[in-house]
Protein backbone atom coordinates (compact mmCIF):
# COMPACT_ATOMS: atom_id res chain seq x y z
CA MET A 1 0.54 0.39 17.89
CA ASN A 2 1.78 3.59 16.30
CA THR A 3 2.12 3.25 12.51
CA VAL A 4 2.91 5.39 9.50
CA GLN A 5 0.11 5.10 6.97
CA LYS A 6 0.72 5.34 3.23
CA TYR A 7 -2.05 5.15 0.65
CA PHE A 8 -1.55 3.80 -2.86
CA ARG A 9 -3.48 3.09 -6.02
CA VAL A 10 -2.55 -0.28 -7.51
CA ASN A 11 -3.88 -1.92 -10.64
CA PRO A 12 -6.63 -4.13 -9.17
CA ARG A 13 -5.18 -7.19 -10.91
CA ASP A 14 -1.89 -6.63 -9.01
CA MET A 15 -3.36 -6.19 -5.53
CA VAL A 16 -2.97 -9.81 -4.42
CA TYR A 17 0.59 -9.89 -5.75
CA VAL A 18 1.59 -6.71 -3.88
CA LYS A 19 -0.04 -7.91 -0.66
CA SER A 20 1.67 -11.31 -0.84
CA ILE A 21 5.09 -9.75 -1.43
CA VAL A 22 4.73 -7.31 1.48
CA GLU A 23 3.38 -9.98 3.84
CA SER A 24 6.30 -12.28 2.99
CA TYR A 25 8.56 -9.79 4.81
CA GLY A 26 6.96 -10.63 8.18
CA GLY A 27 6.03 -7.52 10.13
CA LEU A 28 7.19 -5.05 7.50
CA ALA A 29 3.72 -3.59 6.97
CA VAL A 30 0.06 -4.51 7.15
CA LEU A 31 -1.91 -3.84 3.98
CA SER A 32 -5.62 -3.25 3.83
CA THR A 33 -7.80 -2.80 0.76
CA LEU A 34 -10.00 0.29 0.93
CA ASP A 35 -11.49 0.11 -2.56
CA ARG A 36 -10.96 -3.05 -4.61
CA GLN A 37 -12.54 -1.63 -7.78
CA ASN A 38 -10.16 1.34 -7.87
CA GLY A 39 -7.17 -0.48 -6.37
CA ILE A 40 -6.84 1.71 -3.28
CA MET A 41 -4.74 0.22 -0.48
CA VAL A 42 -3.43 1.54 2.80
CA TRP A 43 -0.08 0.39 4.17
CA MET A 44 0.33 0.54 7.96
CA ILE A 45 4.04 0.62 8.67
CA PRO A 46 5.86 0.43 12.01
CA PRO A 47 8.09 3.53 12.22
CA HIS A 48 11.22 1.45 12.79
CA ARG A 49 10.59 -0.38 9.46
CA LEU A 50 9.80 2.72 7.37
CA LYS A 51 13.14 2.89 5.53
CA GLU A 52 13.00 -0.80 4.63
CA THR A 53 9.39 -0.42 3.48
CA GLU A 54 10.23 2.57 1.30
CA GLU A 55 12.97 0.50 -0.34
CA LEU A 56 10.46 -2.24 -1.09
CA ILE A 57 7.98 0.32 -2.49
CA ALA A 58 10.68 1.64 -4.84
CA SER A 59 11.41 -1.91 -5.99
CA LEU A 60 7.74 -2.78 -6.50
CA LYS A 61 7.24 0.36 -8.60
CA LYS A 62 9.56 -1.22 -11.18
CA GLU A 63 7.10 -4.11 -11.56
CA VAL A 64 3.60 -2.72 -10.94
CA THR A 65 1.73 0.54 -10.87
CA LEU A 66 1.95 1.89 -7.33
CA GLU A 67 0.78 5.52 -7.19
CA PRO A 68 0.57 7.49 -3.95
CA VAL A 69 -2.94 8.60 -3.02
CA ASP A 70 -3.63 11.62 -0.83
CA PRO A 71 -5.87 10.23 1.95
CA THR A 72 -7.47 13.64 2.51
CA GLN A 73 -8.72 13.59 -1.09
CA TYR A 74 -9.99 10.02 -1.04
CA ASN A 75 -13.51 9.15 0.00
CA PRO A 76 -14.01 5.35 -0.02
CA SER A 77 -17.78 5.69 -0.42
CA ARG A 78 -17.48 7.37 -3.83
CA GLY A 79 -14.07 6.28 -5.11
CA ARG A 80 -11.72 8.77 -6.65
């Protein structure tokens, strides 16, 4: 499946919350934790749900820290 990938840094204590909210939207995006200690997550988003996902991201940013991470600068083996 073709997806758009977005990488974010989340406060580690908020990771479960963010994942549960996103998963409650059924098929909106699949989240995977790359680095639990540093709160790095990747969102795999179907292209046809990108606009809806971006709206959810904007809403979540009002509640939790959700900072974009440049995947070319991130090395999971050493953190950031």
